[in-house]
Amino acid sequence: MPRREGDRLLLEGEVTVGSVAGILAATGRDDLAAAAIVDFRAVTEVDSAAVALAVAWLREARAAGRSIRFENLPPALAKLARLYAVAELLPGTGPG
């Protein structure tokens, strides 16, 4: 589940189709409004739902006139972002 440390939102454990609803439910508007960085350092598993979550949060931040950055993206997430042609939206997932 996510936790906030200052302007950083730390994700932990699985970010998969089975956990994204819980992550969204556990992440309040205040957490997202304060987050400038979403850190995937402690994420153990991802699937396409992680890509959808990241893109949704990016869209929400941009709609609110803020920027958000993703750090420590798992290689599997980077690969999925390239596969779904959204790598340009998530820095660190480009060609490779």
PDB file of N, CA and C in Angstrom:
ATOM      1  N   MET A   1       0.831  -1.186   0.000  1.00  0.00           N
ATOM      2  CA  MET A   1       0.000   0.000   0.000  1.00  0.00           C
ATOM      3  C   MET A   1       0.875   1.249   0.000  1.00  0.00           C
ATOM      4  N   PRO A   2       0.365   2.318  -0.522  1.00  0.00           N
ATOM      5  CA  PRO A   2       1.168   3.547  -0.601  1.00  0.00           C
ATOM      6  C   PRO A   2       1.263   4.264   0.743  1.00  0.00           C
ATOM      7  N   ARG A   3       2.345   4.984   0.900  1.00  0.00           N
ATOM      8  CA  ARG A   3       2.470   5.885   2.053  1.00  0.00           C
ATOM      9  C   ARG A   3       3.191   7.131   1.579  1.00  0.00           C
ATOM     10  N   ARG A   4       2.873   8.234   2.238  1.00  0.00           N
ATOM     11  CA  ARG A   4       3.446   9.513   1.823  1.00  0.00           C
ATOM     12  C   ARG A   4       4.547   9.928   2.770  1.00  0.00           C
ATOM     13  N   GLU A   5       5.643  10.396   2.202  1.00  0.00           N
ATOM     14  CA  GLU A   5       6.739  11.002   2.946  1.00  0.00           C
ATOM     15  C   GLU A   5       7.036  12.337   2.288  1.00  0.00           C
ATOM     16  N   GLY A   6       6.525  13.403   2.869  1.00  0.00           N
ATOM     17  CA  GLY A   6       6.698  14.723   2.275  1.00  0.00           C
ATOM     18  C   GLY A   6       6.010  14.786   0.929  1.00  0.00           C
ATOM     19  N   ASP A   7       6.773  15.123  -0.115  1.00  0.00           N
ATOM     20  CA  ASP A   7       6.199  15.213  -1.457  1.00  0.00           C
ATOM     21  C   ASP A   7       6.380  13.922  -2.249  1.00  0.00           C
ATOM     22  N   ARG A   8       6.726  12.862  -1.548  1.00  0.00           N
ATOM     23  CA  ARG A   8       7.002  11.564  -2.180  1.00  0.00           C
ATOM     24  C   ARG A   8       5.926  10.557  -1.775  1.00  0.00           C
ATOM     25  N   LEU A   9       5.350   9.883  -2.761  1.00  0.00           N
ATOM     26  CA  LEU A   9       4.402   8.809  -2.522  1.00  0.00           C
ATOM     27  C   LEU A   9       5.133   7.500  -2.795  1.00  0.00           C
ATOM     28  N   LEU A  10       5.285   6.694  -1.754  1.00  0.00           N
ATOM     29  CA  LEU A  10       6.026   5.441  -1.851  1.00  0.00           C
ATOM     30  C   LEU A  10       5.060   4.281  -2.051  1.00  0.00           C
ATOM     31  N   LEU A  11       5.262   3.551  -3.133  1.00  0.00           N
ATOM     32  CA  LEU A  11       4.455   2.360  -3.383  1.00  0.00           C
ATOM     33  C   LEU A  11       5.224   1.146  -2.893  1.00  0.00           C
ATOM     34  N   GLU A  12       4.489   0.175  -2.364  1.00  0.00           N
ATOM     35  CA  GLU A  12       5.119  -1.022  -1.811  1.00  0.00           C
ATOM     36  C   GLU A  12       4.343  -2.260  -2.249  1.00  0.00           C
ATOM     37  N   GLY A  13       5.050  -3.346  -2.410  1.00  0.00           N
ATOM     38  CA  GLY A  13       4.406  -4.613  -2.739  1.00  0.00           C
ATOM     39  C   GLY A  13       4.011  -4.689  -4.196  1.00  0.00           C
ATOM     40  N   GLU A  14       2.942  -5.406  -4.453  1.00  0.00           N
ATOM     41  CA  GLU A  14       2.461  -5.603  -5.817  1.00  0.00           C
ATOM     42  C   GLU A  14       1.647  -4.400  -6.299  1.00  0.00           C
ATOM     43  N   VAL A  15       1.864  -4.047  -7.560  1.00  0.00           N
ATOM     44  CA  VAL A  15       1.014  -3.062  -8.232  1.00  0.00           C
ATOM     45  C   VAL A  15       0.491  -3.789  -9.464  1.00  0.00           C
ATOM     46  N   THR A  16      -0.587  -4.515  -9.236  1.00  0.00           N
ATOM     47  CA  THR A  16      -1.155  -5.392 -10.263  1.00  0.00           C
ATOM     48  C   THR A  16      -2.662  -5.202 -10.316  1.00  0.00           C
ATOM     49  N   VAL A  17      -3.278  -5.890 -11.243  1.00  0.00           N
ATOM     50  CA  VAL A  17      -4.726  -5.782 -11.385  1.00  0.00           C
ATOM     51  C   VAL A  17      -5.431  -6.153 -10.084  1.00  0.00           C
ATOM     52  N   GLY A  18      -4.835  -7.017  -9.290  1.00  0.00           N
ATOM     53  CA  GLY A  18      -5.436  -7.412  -8.027  1.00  0.00           C
ATOM     54  C   GLY A  18      -5.254  -6.422  -6.900  1.00  0.00           C
ATOM     55  N   SER A  19      -4.338  -5.465  -7.066  1.00  0.00           N
ATOM     56  CA  SER A  19      -4.053  -4.532  -5.963  1.00  0.00           C
ATOM     57  C   SER A  19      -4.340  -3.069  -6.279  1.00  0.00           C
ATOM     58  N   VAL A  20      -4.502  -2.728  -7.541  1.00  0.00           N
ATOM     59  CA  VAL A  20      -4.648  -1.312  -7.911  1.00  0.00           C
ATOM     60  C   VAL A  20      -5.885  -0.672  -7.295  1.00  0.00           C
ATOM     61  N   ALA A  21      -6.986  -1.385  -7.215  1.00  0.00           N
ATOM     62  CA  ALA A  21      -8.192  -0.808  -6.595  1.00  0.00           C
ATOM     63  C   ALA A  21      -7.911  -0.445  -5.144  1.00  0.00           C
ATOM     64  N   GLY A  22      -7.196  -1.301  -4.435  1.00  0.00           N
ATOM     65  CA  GLY A  22      -6.834  -1.015  -3.052  1.00  0.00           C
ATOM     66  C   GLY A  22      -5.879   0.154  -2.938  1.00  0.00           C
ATOM     67  N   ILE A  23      -4.949   0.238  -3.864  1.00  0.00           N
ATOM     68  CA  ILE A  23      -4.006   1.368  -3.875  1.00  0.00           C
ATOM     69  C   ILE A  23      -4.765   2.668  -4.088  1.00  0.00           C
ATOM     70  N   LEU A  24      -5.674   2.660  -5.048  1.00  0.00           N
ATOM     71  CA  LEU A  24      -6.477   3.863  -5.298  1.00  0.00           C
ATOM     72  C   LEU A  24      -7.320   4.232  -4.078  1.00  0.00           C
ATOM     73  N   ALA A  25      -7.913   3.228  -3.441  1.00  0.00           N
ATOM     74  CA  ALA A  25      -8.742   3.495  -2.267  1.00  0.00           C
ATOM     75  C   ALA A  25      -7.911   4.030  -1.104  1.00  0.00           C
ATOM     76  N   ALA A  26      -6.656   3.574  -0.994  1.00  0.00           N
ATOM     77  CA  ALA A  26      -5.787   3.984   0.113  1.00  0.00           C
ATOM     78  C   ALA A  26      -5.077   5.310  -0.144  1.00  0.00           C
ATOM     79  N   THR A  27      -5.148   5.786  -1.371  1.00  0.00           N
ATOM     80  CA  THR A  27      -4.461   7.019  -1.735  1.00  0.00           C
ATOM     81  C   THR A  27      -5.486   8.137  -1.820  1.00  0.00           C
ATOM     82  N   GLY A  28      -5.483   8.981  -0.819  1.00  0.00           N
ATOM     83  CA  GLY A  28      -6.439  10.075  -0.784  1.00  0.00           C
ATOM     84  C   GLY A  28      -6.046  11.224  -1.694  1.00  0.00           C
ATOM     85  N   ARG A  29      -6.987  12.103  -1.908  1.00  0.00           N
ATOM     86  CA  ARG A  29      -6.727  13.295  -2.745  1.00  0.00           C
ATOM     87  C   ARG A  29      -5.574  14.119  -2.198  1.00  0.00           C
ATOM     88  N   ASP A  30      -5.473  14.222  -0.877  1.00  0.00           N
ATOM     89  CA  ASP A  30      -4.377  14.987  -0.280  1.00  0.00           C
ATOM     90  C   ASP A  30      -3.033  14.362  -0.609  1.00  0.00           C
ATOM     91  N   ASP A  31      -2.977  13.022  -0.593  1.00  0.00           N
ATOM     92  CA  ASP A  31      -1.736  12.334  -0.939  1.00  0.00           C
ATOM     93  C   ASP A  31      -1.328  12.659  -2.372  1.00  0.00           C
ATOM     94  N   LEU A  32      -2.279  12.571  -3.280  1.00  0.00           N
ATOM     95  CA  LEU A  32      -1.976  12.839  -4.686  1.00  0.00           C
ATOM     96  C   LEU A  32      -1.670  14.309  -4.922  1.00  0.00           C
ATOM     97  N   ALA A  33      -2.376  15.195  -4.245  1.00  0.00           N
ATOM     98  CA  ALA A  33      -2.142  16.633  -4.425  1.00  0.00           C
ATOM     99  C   ALA A  33      -0.763  17.031  -3.927  1.00  0.00           C
ATOM    100  N   ALA A  34      -0.268  16.348  -2.906  1.00  0.00           N
ATOM    101  CA  ALA A  34       1.034  16.685  -2.332  1.00  0.00           C
ATOM    102  C   ALA A  34       2.188  15.963  -3.017  1.00  0.00           C
ATOM    103  N   ALA A  35       1.886  14.932  -3.782  1.00  0.00           N
ATOM    104  CA  ALA A  35       2.944  14.112  -4.369  1.00  0.00           C
ATOM    105  C   ALA A  35       3.545  14.760  -5.609  1.00  0.00           C
ATOM    106  N   ALA A  36       4.835  14.975  -5.565  1.00  0.00           N
ATOM    107  CA  ALA A  36       5.579  15.408  -6.745  1.00  0.00           C
ATOM    108  C   ALA A  36       6.329  14.230  -7.339  1.00  0.00           C
ATOM    109  N   ILE A  37       6.531  13.209  -6.502  1.00  0.00           N
ATOM    110  CA  ILE A  37       7.285  12.020  -6.907  1.00  0.00           C
ATOM    111  C   ILE A  37       6.506  10.787  -6.467  1.00  0.00           C
ATOM    112  N   VAL A  38       6.381   9.827  -7.370  1.00  0.00           N
ATOM    113  CA  VAL A  38       5.850   8.511  -7.028  1.00  0.00           C
ATOM    114  C   VAL A  38       7.023   7.552  -7.150  1.00  0.00           C
ATOM    115  N   ASP A  39       7.363   6.925  -6.040  1.00  0.00           N
ATOM    116  CA  ASP A  39       8.555   6.083  -5.957  1.00  0.00           C
ATOM    117  C   ASP A  39       8.158   4.607  -5.950  1.00  0.00           C
ATOM    118  N   PHE A  40       8.647   3.875  -6.934  1.00  0.00           N
ATOM    119  CA  PHE A  40       8.346   2.452  -7.092  1.00  0.00           C
ATOM    120  C   PHE A  40       9.423   1.568  -6.454  1.00  0.00           C
ATOM    121  N   ARG A  41      10.314   2.126  -5.661  1.00  0.00           N
ATOM    122  CA  ARG A  41      11.460   1.393  -5.113  1.00  0.00           C
ATOM    123  C   ARG A  41      11.078   0.083  -4.434  1.00  0.00           C
ATOM    124  N   ALA A  42      10.011   0.078  -3.668  1.00  0.00           N
ATOM    125  CA  ALA A  42       9.643  -1.104  -2.888  1.00  0.00           C
ATOM    126  C   ALA A  42       8.579  -1.969  -3.569  1.00  0.00           C
ATOM    127  N   VAL A  43       8.346  -1.734  -4.848  1.00  0.00           N
ATOM    128  CA  VAL A  43       7.359  -2.524  -5.586  1.00  0.00           C
ATOM    129  C   VAL A  43       7.987  -3.864  -5.969  1.00  0.00           C
ATOM    130  N   THR A  44       7.263  -4.928  -5.719  1.00  0.00           N
ATOM    131  CA  THR A  44       7.787  -6.271  -5.967  1.00  0.00           C
ATOM    132  C   THR A  44       7.291  -6.900  -7.250  1.00  0.00           C
ATOM    133  N   GLU A  45       6.141  -6.455  -7.753  1.00  0.00           N
ATOM    134  CA  GLU A  45       5.576  -7.029  -8.965  1.00  0.00           C
ATOM    135  C   GLU A  45       4.672  -6.002  -9.633  1.00  0.00           C
ATOM    136  N   VAL A  46       4.687  -5.972 -10.970  1.00  0.00           N
ATOM    137  CA  VAL A  46       3.809  -5.081 -11.723  1.00  0.00           C
ATOM    138  C   VAL A  46       3.189  -5.845 -12.888  1.00  0.00           C
ATOM    139  N   ASP A  47       2.085  -5.317 -13.360  1.00  0.00           N
ATOM    140  CA  ASP A  47       1.499  -5.778 -14.605  1.00  0.00           C
ATOM    141  C   ASP A  47       0.926  -4.549 -15.308  1.00  0.00           C
ATOM    142  N   SER A  48       0.123  -4.754 -16.311  1.00  0.00           N
ATOM    143  CA  SER A  48      -0.383  -3.617 -17.084  1.00  0.00           C
ATOM    144  C   SER A  48      -1.196  -2.644 -16.242  1.00  0.00           C
ATOM    145  N   ALA A  49      -1.746  -3.091 -15.134  1.00  0.00           N
ATOM    146  CA  ALA A  49      -2.493  -2.194 -14.251  1.00  0.00           C
ATOM    147  C   ALA A  49      -1.584  -1.121 -13.661  1.00  0.00           C
ATOM    148  N   ALA A  50      -0.307  -1.424 -13.454  1.00  0.00           N
ATOM    149  CA  ALA A  50       0.644  -0.428 -12.944  1.00  0.00           C
ATOM    150  C   ALA A  50       0.846   0.691 -13.961  1.00  0.00           C
ATOM    151  N   VAL A  51       0.890   0.325 -15.229  1.00  0.00           N
ATOM    152  CA  VAL A  51       1.013   1.332 -16.286  1.00  0.00           C
ATOM    153  C   VAL A  51      -0.227   2.215 -16.293  1.00  0.00           C
ATOM    154  N   ALA A  52      -1.392   1.594 -16.223  1.00  0.00           N
ATOM    155  CA  ALA A  52      -2.645   2.358 -16.218  1.00  0.00           C
ATOM    156  C   ALA A  52      -2.715   3.289 -15.016  1.00  0.00           C
ATOM    157  N   LEU A  53      -2.286   2.818 -13.857  1.00  0.00           N
ATOM    158  CA  LEU A  53      -2.284   3.641 -12.652  1.00  0.00           C
ATOM    159  C   LEU A  53      -1.368   4.848 -12.817  1.00  0.00           C
ATOM    160  N   ALA A  54      -0.162   4.622 -13.301  1.00  0.00           N
ATOM    161  CA  ALA A  54       0.795   5.717 -13.483  1.00  0.00           C
ATOM    162  C   ALA A  54       0.262   6.744 -14.477  1.00  0.00           C
ATOM    163  N   VAL A  55      -0.296   6.294 -15.582  1.00  0.00           N
ATOM    164  CA  VAL A  55      -0.842   7.219 -16.584  1.00  0.00           C
ATOM    165  C   VAL A  55      -2.032   7.988 -16.010  1.00  0.00           C
ATOM    166  N   ALA A  56      -2.874   7.326 -15.243  1.00  0.00           N
ATOM    167  CA  ALA A  56      -4.020   8.011 -14.633  1.00  0.00           C
ATOM    168  C   ALA A  56      -3.562   9.090 -13.659  1.00  0.00           C
ATOM    169  N   TRP A  57      -2.560   8.765 -12.828  1.00  0.00           N
ATOM    170  CA  TRP A  57      -2.047   9.765 -11.895  1.00  0.00           C
ATOM    171  C   TRP A  57      -1.377  10.910 -12.630  1.00  0.00           C
ATOM    172  N   LEU A  58      -0.677  10.610 -13.694  1.00  0.00           N
ATOM    173  CA  LEU A  58      -0.053  11.661 -14.497  1.00  0.00           C
ATOM    174  C   LEU A  58      -1.124  12.571 -15.096  1.00  0.00           C
ATOM    175  N   ARG A  59      -2.168  11.993 -15.630  1.00  0.00           N
ATOM    176  CA  ARG A  59      -3.273  12.766 -16.218  1.00  0.00           C
ATOM    177  C   ARG A  59      -3.926  13.640 -15.157  1.00  0.00           C
ATOM    178  N   GLU A  60      -4.159  13.088 -13.971  1.00  0.00           N
ATOM    179  CA  GLU A  60      -4.785  13.845 -12.889  1.00  0.00           C
ATOM    180  C   GLU A  60      -3.907  15.018 -12.452  1.00  0.00           C
ATOM    181  N   ALA A  61      -2.612  14.778 -12.343  1.00  0.00           N
ATOM    182  CA  ALA A  61      -1.694  15.848 -11.951  1.00  0.00           C
ATOM    183  C   ALA A  61      -1.690  16.960 -12.993  1.00  0.00           C
ATOM    184  N   ARG A  62      -1.604  16.584 -14.247  1.00  0.00           N
ATOM    185  CA  ARG A  62      -1.584  17.599 -15.313  1.00  0.00           C
ATOM    186  C   ARG A  62      -2.879  18.394 -15.340  1.00  0.00           C
ATOM    187  N   ALA A  63      -4.007  17.737 -15.113  1.00  0.00           N
ATOM    188  CA  ALA A  63      -5.299  18.433 -15.101  1.00  0.00           C
ATOM    189  C   ALA A  63      -5.357  19.440 -13.959  1.00  0.00           C
ATOM    190  N   ALA A  64      -4.624  19.160 -12.885  1.00  0.00           N
ATOM    191  CA  ALA A  64      -4.582  20.072 -11.731  1.00  0.00           C
ATOM    192  C   ALA A  64      -3.467  21.102 -11.861  1.00  0.00           C
ATOM    193  N   GLY A  65      -2.762  21.096 -13.002  1.00  0.00           N
ATOM    194  CA  GLY A  65      -1.696  22.067 -13.227  1.00  0.00           C
ATOM    195  C   GLY A  65      -0.410  21.748 -12.475  1.00  0.00           C
ATOM    196  N   ARG A  66      -0.233  20.494 -12.109  1.00  0.00           N
ATOM    197  CA  ARG A  66       0.972  20.083 -11.379  1.00  0.00           C
ATOM    198  C   ARG A  66       1.775  19.118 -12.239  1.00  0.00           C
ATOM    199  N   SER A  67       2.988  18.898 -11.815  1.00  0.00           N
ATOM    200  CA  SER A  67       3.782  17.867 -12.466  1.00  0.00           C
ATOM    201  C   SER A  67       4.031  16.754 -11.453  1.00  0.00           C
ATOM    202  N   ILE A  68       4.225  15.575 -11.971  1.00  0.00           N
ATOM    203  CA  ILE A  68       4.510  14.420 -11.135  1.00  0.00           C
ATOM    204  C   ILE A  68       5.602  13.616 -11.832  1.00  0.00           C
ATOM    205  N   ARG A  69       6.484  13.059 -11.030  1.00  0.00           N
ATOM    206  CA  ARG A  69       7.620  12.314 -11.579  1.00  0.00           C
ATOM    207  C   ARG A  69       7.597  10.911 -10.970  1.00  0.00           C
ATOM    208  N   PHE A  70       7.988   9.935 -11.770  1.00  0.00           N
ATOM    209  CA  PHE A  70       8.055   8.554 -11.320  1.00  0.00           C
ATOM    210  C   PHE A  70       9.515   8.153 -11.202  1.00  0.00           C
ATOM    211  N   GLU A  71       9.859   7.538 -10.065  1.00  0.00           N
ATOM    212  CA  GLU A  71      11.243   7.125  -9.829  1.00  0.00           C
ATOM    213  C   GLU A  71      11.309   5.642  -9.507  1.00  0.00           C
ATOM    214  N   ASN A  72      12.478   5.075  -9.765  1.00  0.00           N
ATOM    215  CA  ASN A  72      12.763   3.673  -9.454  1.00  0.00           C
ATOM    216  C   ASN A  72      11.756   2.720 -10.088  1.00  0.00           C
ATOM    217  N   LEU A  73      11.459   2.992 -11.356  1.00  0.00           N
ATOM    218  CA  LEU A  73      10.498   2.145 -12.054  1.00  0.00           C
ATOM    219  C   LEU A  73      11.084   0.748 -12.263  1.00  0.00           C
ATOM    220  N   PRO A  74      10.320  -0.292 -11.958  1.00  0.00           N
ATOM    221  CA  PRO A  74      10.798  -1.649 -12.204  1.00  0.00           C
ATOM    222  C   PRO A  74      11.013  -1.881 -13.704  1.00  0.00           C
ATOM    223  N   PRO A  75      12.004  -2.670 -14.071  1.00  0.00           N
ATOM    224  CA  PRO A  75      12.228  -2.954 -15.493  1.00  0.00           C
ATOM    225  C   PRO A  75      10.987  -3.505 -16.196  1.00  0.00           C
ATOM    226  N   ALA A  76      10.202  -4.304 -15.499  1.00  0.00           N
ATOM    227  CA  ALA A  76       8.989  -4.849 -16.116  1.00  0.00           C
ATOM    228  C   ALA A  76       7.988  -3.744 -16.452  1.00  0.00           C
ATOM    229  N   LEU A  77       7.900  -2.719 -15.610  1.00  0.00           N
ATOM    230  CA  LEU A  77       6.994  -1.607 -15.891  1.00  0.00           C
ATOM    231  C   LEU A  77       7.491  -0.819 -17.097  1.00  0.00           C
ATOM    232  N   ALA A  78       8.790  -0.623 -17.176  1.00  0.00           N
ATOM    233  CA  ALA A  78       9.362   0.078 -18.321  1.00  0.00           C
ATOM    234  C   ALA A  78       9.077  -0.693 -19.612  1.00  0.00           C
ATOM    235  N   LYS A  79       9.220  -2.000 -19.550  1.00  0.00           N
ATOM    236  CA  LYS A  79       8.957  -2.833 -20.726  1.00  0.00           C
ATOM    237  C   LYS A  79       7.493  -2.742 -21.144  1.00  0.00           C
ATOM    238  N   LEU A  80       6.582  -2.790 -20.182  1.00  0.00           N
ATOM    239  CA  LEU A  80       5.160  -2.667 -20.487  1.00  0.00           C
ATOM    240  C   LEU A  80       4.825  -1.292 -21.054  1.00  0.00           C
ATOM    241  N   ALA A  81       5.427  -0.246 -20.513  1.00  0.00           N
ATOM    242  CA  ALA A  81       5.170   1.111 -21.016  1.00  0.00           C
ATOM    243  C   ALA A  81       5.600   1.228 -22.476  1.00  0.00           C
ATOM    244  N   ARG A  82       6.729   0.606 -22.814  1.00  0.00           N
ATOM    245  CA  ARG A  82       7.170   0.616 -24.220  1.00  0.00           C
ATOM    246  C   ARG A  82       6.207  -0.197 -25.079  1.00  0.00           C
ATOM    247  N   LEU A  83       5.774  -1.347 -24.580  1.00  0.00           N
ATOM    248  CA  LEU A  83       4.854  -2.206 -25.314  1.00  0.00           C
ATOM    249  C   LEU A  83       3.548  -1.484 -25.633  1.00  0.00           C
ATOM    250  N   TYR A  84       3.039  -0.719 -24.665  1.00  0.00           N
ATOM    251  CA  TYR A  84       1.779  -0.005 -24.841  1.00  0.00           C
ATOM    252  C   TYR A  84       1.948   1.397 -25.417  1.00  0.00           C
ATOM    253  N   ALA A  85       3.170   1.726 -25.843  1.00  0.00           N
ATOM    254  CA  ALA A  85       3.482   2.995 -26.514  1.00  0.00           C
ATOM    255  C   ALA A  85       3.162   4.216 -25.643  1.00  0.00           C
ATOM    256  N   VAL A  86       3.442   4.098 -24.339  1.00  0.00           N
ATOM    257  CA  VAL A  86       3.271   5.239 -23.441  1.00  0.00           C
ATOM    258  C   VAL A  86       4.579   5.580 -22.724  1.00  0.00           C
ATOM    259  N   ALA A  87       5.668   5.031 -23.202  1.00  0.00           N
ATOM    260  CA  ALA A  87       6.965   5.246 -22.555  1.00  0.00           C
ATOM    261  C   ALA A  87       7.330   6.719 -22.487  1.00  0.00           C
ATOM    262  N   GLU A  88       6.938   7.489 -23.479  1.00  0.00           N
ATOM    263  CA  GLU A  88       7.273   8.911 -23.477  1.00  0.00           C
ATOM    264  C   GLU A  88       6.590   9.665 -22.330  1.00  0.00           C
ATOM    265  N   LEU A  89       5.523   9.104 -21.798  1.00  0.00           N
ATOM    266  CA  LEU A  89       4.824   9.730 -20.682  1.00  0.00           C
ATOM    267  C   LEU A  89       5.506   9.446 -19.340  1.00  0.00           C
ATOM    268  N   LEU A  90       6.262   8.363 -19.280  1.00  0.00           N
ATOM    269  CA  LEU A  90       6.868   7.926 -18.028  1.00  0.00           C
ATOM    270  C   LEU A  90       8.396   7.935 -18.174  1.00  0.00           C
ATOM    271  N   PRO A  91       9.038   9.030 -17.804  1.00  0.00           N
ATOM    272  CA  PRO A  91      10.501   9.099 -17.928  1.00  0.00           C
ATOM    273  C   PRO A  91      11.165   7.893 -17.277  1.00  0.00           C
ATOM    274  N   GLY A  92      12.186   7.399 -17.935  1.00  0.00           N
ATOM    275  CA  GLY A  92      12.894   6.231 -17.436  1.00  0.00           C
ATOM    276  C   GLY A  92      12.410   4.940 -18.068  1.00  0.00           C
ATOM    277  N   THR A  93      11.403   5.024 -18.945  1.00  0.00           N
ATOM    278  CA  THR A  93      10.890   3.825 -19.596  1.00  0.00           C
ATOM    279  C   THR A  93      11.138   3.832 -21.087  1.00  0.00           C
ATOM    280  N   GLY A  94      11.957   4.761 -21.539  1.00  0.00           N
ATOM    281  CA  GLY A  94      12.197   4.913 -22.968  1.00  0.00           C
ATOM    282  C   GLY A  94      12.882   3.711 -23.589  1.00  0.00           C
ATOM    283  N   PRO A  95      13.378   3.857 -24.823  1.00  0.00           N
ATOM    284  CA  PRO A  95      13.980   2.743 -25.543  1.00  0.00           C
ATOM    285  C   PRO A  95      15.028   2.027 -24.727  1.00  0.00           C
ATOM    286  N   GLY A  96      15.077   0.747 -24.862  1.00  0.00           N
ATOM    287  CA  GLY A  96      16.075   0.003 -24.147  1.00  0.00           C
ATOM    288  C   GLY A  96      15.810  -1.393 -24.151  1.00  0.00           C
TER     289      GLY A  96
END
